[in-house]
């Protein structure tokens, strides 16, 4: 039987995510109750035994309401597919017209069978950063609210989660060692990985402005190598990098946007 999760299920659902996804109990509870909300968590139960579970986290893209399918777990084979259909039906009644998923978690073939298609591609490239003593920017000043503003400014086609989710994401990234850098014409989020600055997100008005952010990070850290992840259609470093798929989408009640979307910094 498919049904919506309740407060009585919370402890059991958190335990399953701990075992199956490696989340802490605190992380699991936060995602279930705050990011998704239990009213958006669906499960299959048979004779009191949980068979499958799925969270549908509210998102938007280009002003269209949708959901982010997250934490799909199948404990008894054959129960996840009908659960996905049930979740789509429930979310359609709530006015949602599409769903997105991130790739690389062992379920890519399954999602393709459910009508999902690769939709969010990235480019990954390496750069050597030259010195620029005049490159000065702001560091660690981007809050959740500010990140949402910057995303809207530089990438309005990005998949956006609700504010409480962004807040949790920013806190988690900072706790994991992320640094944010911002100038008048762009921003980036990076991690120091040995002798490399790993930019997990970088947006700027031009190549020059992007280079300024990289140079500012070098002046701060002394690290001259960078690995940069960009949207596939970014105008920065055109023609450079290796393409990789980050996410898929299923538009079941709305037309796909004419331009490809961008998805990054999800709960992965």
Protein backbone atom coordinates (compact mmCIF):
# COMPACT_ATOMS: atom_id res chain seq x y z
CA UNK A 1 0.00 0.00 0.00
CA UNK A 2 1.32 3.44 -0.93
CA UNK A 3 0.71 6.25 1.50
CA UNK A 4 2.01 9.56 2.84
CA UNK A 5 4.46 9.41 5.75
CA UNK A 6 3.40 10.56 9.22
CA UNK A 7 5.20 11.61 12.38
CA UNK A 8 5.01 8.01 13.60
CA UNK A 9 7.17 6.91 10.65
CA UNK A 10 9.95 9.44 11.20
CA UNK A 11 12.26 7.38 13.40
CA UNK A 12 12.04 4.37 11.09
CA UNK A 13 12.61 6.46 7.95
CA UNK A 14 15.66 8.16 9.48
CA UNK A 15 17.09 4.77 10.38
CA UNK A 16 16.67 3.52 6.81
CA UNK A 17 18.43 6.57 5.37
CA UNK A 18 21.24 6.11 7.89
CA UNK A 19 21.70 2.52 6.75
CA UNK A 20 21.11 2.97 3.02
CA UNK A 21 22.50 6.45 2.33
CA UNK A 22 25.06 7.05 5.06
CA UNK A 23 23.30 10.11 6.44
CA UNK A 24 23.37 10.93 10.12
CA UNK A 25 20.09 10.72 12.01
CA UNK A 26 20.13 14.52 12.34
CA UNK A 27 20.66 15.04 8.61
CA UNK A 28 17.94 12.57 7.72
CA UNK A 29 15.41 14.16 10.07
CA UNK A 30 16.25 17.65 8.83
CA UNK A 31 15.70 16.66 5.20
CA UNK A 32 12.51 14.72 5.90
CA UNK A 33 10.88 17.35 8.10
CA UNK A 34 12.27 20.64 6.78
CA UNK A 35 13.50 20.20 3.21
CA UNK A 36 10.66 17.96 2.07
CA UNK A 37 8.10 17.99 4.86
CA UNK A 38 6.53 14.68 5.83
CA UNK A 39 3.49 15.52 3.71
CA UNK A 40 5.83 15.16 0.71
CA UNK A 41 7.39 11.86 1.76
CA UNK A 42 5.85 8.70 0.35
CA UNK A 43 6.27 5.07 1.28
CA UNK A 44 5.10 1.58 0.48
CA UNK A 45 4.11 -0.56 3.44
CA UNK A 46 2.98 -4.18 3.52
CA UNK A 47 1.85 -5.91 6.74
CA UNK A 48 3.59 -3.23 8.78
CA UNK A 49 6.90 -3.64 6.91
CA UNK A 50 8.35 -0.74 4.94
CA UNK A 51 9.01 -1.74 1.32
CA UNK A 52 10.14 1.55 -0.29
CA UNK A 53 10.39 5.28 0.41
CA UNK A 54 10.84 8.50 -1.55
CA UNK A 55 11.04 12.19 -0.61
CA UNK A 56 9.80 14.89 -2.98
CA UNK A 57 11.46 18.20 -2.15
CA UNK A 58 9.73 21.33 -3.56
CA UNK A 59 11.77 23.20 -6.18
CA UNK A 60 11.16 25.71 -8.95
CA UNK A 61 12.76 26.34 -12.33
CA UNK A 62 12.03 29.35 -14.49
CA UNK A 63 8.97 30.03 -12.31
CA UNK A 64 7.61 26.51 -12.80
CA UNK A 65 6.84 24.54 -9.61
CA UNK A 66 8.28 21.05 -9.43
CA UNK A 67 9.92 18.56 -7.09
CA UNK A 68 13.32 17.04 -6.49
CA UNK A 69 13.05 13.27 -6.07
CA UNK A 70 15.47 12.42 -3.29
CA UNK A 71 16.35 9.45 -1.13
CA UNK A 72 14.66 6.74 -3.19
CA UNK A 73 15.10 3.45 -1.34
CA UNK A 74 13.68 0.09 -2.39
CA UNK A 75 13.78 -2.57 0.34
CA UNK A 76 11.57 -5.02 -1.52
CA UNK A 77 12.04 -5.33 -5.26
CA UNK A 78 9.20 -4.11 -7.46
CA UNK A 79 7.90 -1.43 -5.10
CA UNK A 80 9.81 1.67 -6.18
CA UNK A 81 8.26 2.09 -9.63
CA UNK A 82 4.64 2.21 -8.39
CA UNK A 83 5.75 4.50 -5.57
CA UNK A 84 7.22 6.96 -8.08
CA UNK A 85 3.92 6.93 -9.99
CA UNK A 86 2.02 7.52 -6.77
CA UNK A 87 4.32 10.43 -5.87
CA UNK A 88 3.80 11.98 -9.32
CA UNK A 89 0.03 11.70 -8.94
CA UNK A 90 0.10 13.30 -5.51
CA UNK A 91 2.40 16.11 -6.59
CA UNK A 92 0.38 16.76 -9.74
CA UNK A 93 -2.63 17.40 -7.52
CA UNK A 94 -0.46 19.90 -5.63
CA UNK A 95 0.25 21.79 -8.87
CA UNK A 96 3.72 20.39 -9.59
CA UNK A 97 4.53 19.64 -13.22
CA UNK A 98 8.03 18.18 -13.29
CA UNK A 99 10.62 16.34 -11.25
CA UNK A 100 14.42 16.38 -11.21
CA UNK A 101 16.94 13.84 -9.93
CA UNK A 102 20.72 13.84 -9.60
CA UNK A 103 22.68 11.13 -11.38
CA UNK A 104 25.39 8.72 -10.31
CA UNK A 105 23.66 6.98 -7.43
CA UNK A 106 23.05 3.65 -9.11
CA UNK A 107 19.50 4.50 -10.19
CA UNK A 108 20.15 6.17 -13.55
CA UNK A 109 18.71 3.30 -15.59
CA UNK A 110 15.68 3.14 -13.33
CA UNK A 111 14.95 6.87 -13.74
CA UNK A 112 15.32 6.59 -17.51
CA UNK A 113 12.69 3.84 -17.46
CA UNK A 114 10.38 6.22 -15.57
CA UNK A 115 10.58 8.84 -18.31
CA UNK A 116 13.50 10.93 -17.04
CA UNK A 117 16.01 12.27 -19.56
CA UNK A 118 19.47 13.82 -19.08
CA UNK A 119 18.86 17.54 -18.80
CA UNK A 120 21.46 19.15 -16.54
CA UNK A 121 25.00 18.91 -17.90
CA UNK A 122 28.18 20.48 -16.59
CA UNK A 123 31.68 21.16 -17.88
CA UNK A 124 34.70 20.37 -15.74
CA UNK A 125 38.03 22.01 -16.59
CA UNK A 126 41.42 22.82 -15.09
CA UNK A 127 43.20 26.15 -15.01
CA UNK A 128 46.52 27.50 -13.75
CA UNK A 129 45.93 30.78 -11.92
CA UNK A 130 48.38 33.61 -12.41
CA UNK A 131 49.27 36.01 -9.62
CA UNK A 132 47.47 39.32 -9.37
CA UNK A 133 48.25 41.32 -6.24
CA UNK A 134 45.41 43.70 -7.09
CA UNK A 135 42.75 41.00 -7.10
CA UNK A 136 40.78 41.58 -3.91
CA UNK A 137 37.29 40.20 -3.29
CA UNK A 138 34.95 39.37 -0.44
CA UNK A 139 35.23 35.94 1.17
CA UNK A 140 32.77 33.87 3.23
CA UNK A 141 30.10 36.56 3.05
CA UNK A 142 27.46 34.67 1.04
CA UNK A 143 24.44 33.71 3.10
CA UNK A 144 21.56 31.51 1.98
CA UNK A 145 19.51 34.56 1.03
CA UNK A 146 22.47 36.03 -0.84
CA UNK A 147 23.09 32.78 -2.71
CA UNK A 148 19.49 32.77 -3.92
CA UNK A 149 19.91 36.37 -5.13
CA UNK A 150 23.16 35.59 -6.94
CA UNK A 151 21.67 32.52 -8.58
CA UNK A 152 18.74 34.59 -9.84
CA UNK A 153 21.10 37.24 -11.17
CA UNK A 154 23.61 35.04 -12.95
CA UNK A 155 21.60 31.91 -13.70
CA UNK A 156 17.82 32.47 -13.65
CA UNK A 157 17.27 29.05 -15.25
CA UNK A 158 18.72 27.27 -12.20
CA UNK A 159 16.71 24.79 -10.16
CA UNK A 160 15.97 26.51 -6.86
CA UNK A 161 15.12 24.93 -3.54
CA UNK A 162 13.21 26.72 -0.82
CA UNK A 163 15.00 29.10 1.54
CA UNK A 164 15.26 26.77 4.58
CA UNK A 165 16.97 24.17 2.38
CA UNK A 166 19.48 26.68 1.06
CA UNK A 167 20.21 27.74 4.64
CA UNK A 168 20.99 24.16 5.61
CA UNK A 169 23.10 23.72 2.48
CA UNK A 170 25.19 26.84 3.13
CA UNK A 171 25.77 25.81 6.75
CA UNK A 172 26.77 22.30 5.63
CA UNK A 173 29.13 23.56 2.93
CA UNK A 174 30.86 25.98 5.29
CA UNK A 175 31.19 23.22 7.89
CA UNK A 176 32.82 21.00 5.25
CA UNK A 177 35.42 23.64 4.44
CA UNK A 178 33.82 25.60 1.61
CA UNK A 179 34.86 29.18 0.95
CA UNK A 180 32.74 31.66 -0.98
CA UNK A 181 34.25 34.48 -2.99
CA UNK A 182 32.28 37.40 -4.41
CA UNK A 183 33.11 40.46 -6.48
CA UNK A 184 30.96 43.10 -8.09
CA UNK A 185 30.55 40.93 -11.18
CA UNK A 186 30.50 37.32 -10.02
CA UNK A 187 30.84 34.73 -7.30
CA UNK A 188 32.22 31.29 -6.64
CA UNK A 189 32.16 28.46 -4.11
CA UNK A 190 35.36 26.49 -3.69
CA UNK A 191 37.14 23.94 -1.52
CA UNK A 192 40.88 23.61 -0.94
CA UNK A 193 41.90 20.08 -2.00
CA UNK A 194 45.64 19.71 -1.37
CA UNK A 195 47.28 21.79 -4.14
CA UNK A 196 44.03 22.56 -6.00
CA UNK A 197 41.15 24.96 -5.57
CA UNK A 198 38.02 22.98 -6.43
CA UNK A 199 35.38 25.43 -7.62
CA UNK A 200 32.09 23.60 -7.32
CA UNK A 201 30.26 26.67 -8.65
CA UNK A 202 31.49 29.73 -10.52
CA UNK A 203 29.46 32.46 -12.20
CA UNK A 204 30.67 35.76 -13.59
CA UNK A 205 29.73 38.38 -16.15
CA UNK A 206 32.74 37.58 -18.36
CA UNK A 207 35.94 35.55 -18.61
CA UNK A 208 37.81 38.54 -17.19
CA UNK A 209 35.54 38.68 -14.15
CA UNK A 210 35.82 34.93 -13.62
CA UNK A 211 39.61 35.17 -13.81
CA UNK A 212 39.50 37.96 -11.22
CA UNK A 213 37.69 35.65 -8.80
CA UNK A 214 40.24 32.89 -9.39
CA UNK A 215 43.13 35.31 -8.85
CA UNK A 216 41.56 36.60 -5.67
CA UNK A 217 41.30 33.04 -4.36
CA UNK A 218 44.94 32.43 -5.26
CA UNK A 219 46.06 35.55 -3.41
CA UNK A 220 44.15 34.36 -0.36
CA UNK A 221 45.35 30.74 -0.41
CA UNK A 222 48.58 30.70 -2.38
CA UNK A 223 47.21 27.84 -4.49
CA UNK A 224 47.74 28.24 -8.23
CA UNK A 225 45.77 25.28 -9.63
CA UNK A 226 42.01 25.23 -10.05
CA UNK A 227 39.46 22.64 -11.07
CA UNK A 228 36.29 24.43 -12.13
CA UNK A 229 32.78 23.12 -12.67
CA UNK A 230 30.57 25.22 -14.94
CA UNK A 231 27.14 24.87 -16.53
CA UNK A 232 27.51 23.26 -19.95
CA UNK A 233 26.11 26.36 -21.64
CA UNK A 234 28.14 28.86 -19.60
CA UNK A 235 29.81 31.56 -21.67
CA UNK A 236 32.87 31.35 -19.41
CA UNK A 237 35.76 29.35 -20.90
CA UNK A 238 33.77 28.47 -24.02
CA UNK A 239 34.91 25.27 -25.69
CA UNK A 240 36.92 24.09 -22.69
CA UNK A 241 36.36 21.20 -20.36
CA UNK A 242 34.88 17.73 -20.24
CA UNK A 243 31.12 17.31 -20.30
CA UNK A 244 29.36 15.35 -17.56
CA UNK A 245 25.69 14.85 -16.75
CA UNK A 246 24.66 16.03 -13.29
CA UNK A 247 20.90 15.53 -13.35
CA UNK A 248 17.81 14.38 -15.22
CA UNK A 249 14.31 15.76 -15.54
CA UNK A 250 10.82 14.49 -16.26
CA UNK A 251 8.30 17.09 -17.46
CA UNK A 252 4.92 15.41 -17.13
CA UNK A 253 2.52 18.35 -16.88
CA UNK A 254 4.48 21.29 -18.34
CA UNK A 255 6.50 21.90 -21.48
CA UNK A 256 10.28 21.73 -21.08
CA UNK A 257 11.87 25.19 -21.15
CA UNK A 258 13.34 26.18 -24.49
CA UNK A 259 16.77 26.66 -22.91
CA UNK A 260 18.51 23.97 -20.87
CA UNK A 261 18.43 24.37 -17.13
CA UNK A 262 21.15 24.36 -14.50
CA UNK A 263 21.25 22.24 -11.35
CA UNK A 264 24.03 22.12 -8.79
CA UNK A 265 24.59 22.09 -5.02
CA UNK A 266 21.68 19.78 -4.40
CA UNK A 267 21.54 17.39 -1.43
CA UNK A 268 24.33 15.15 -2.71
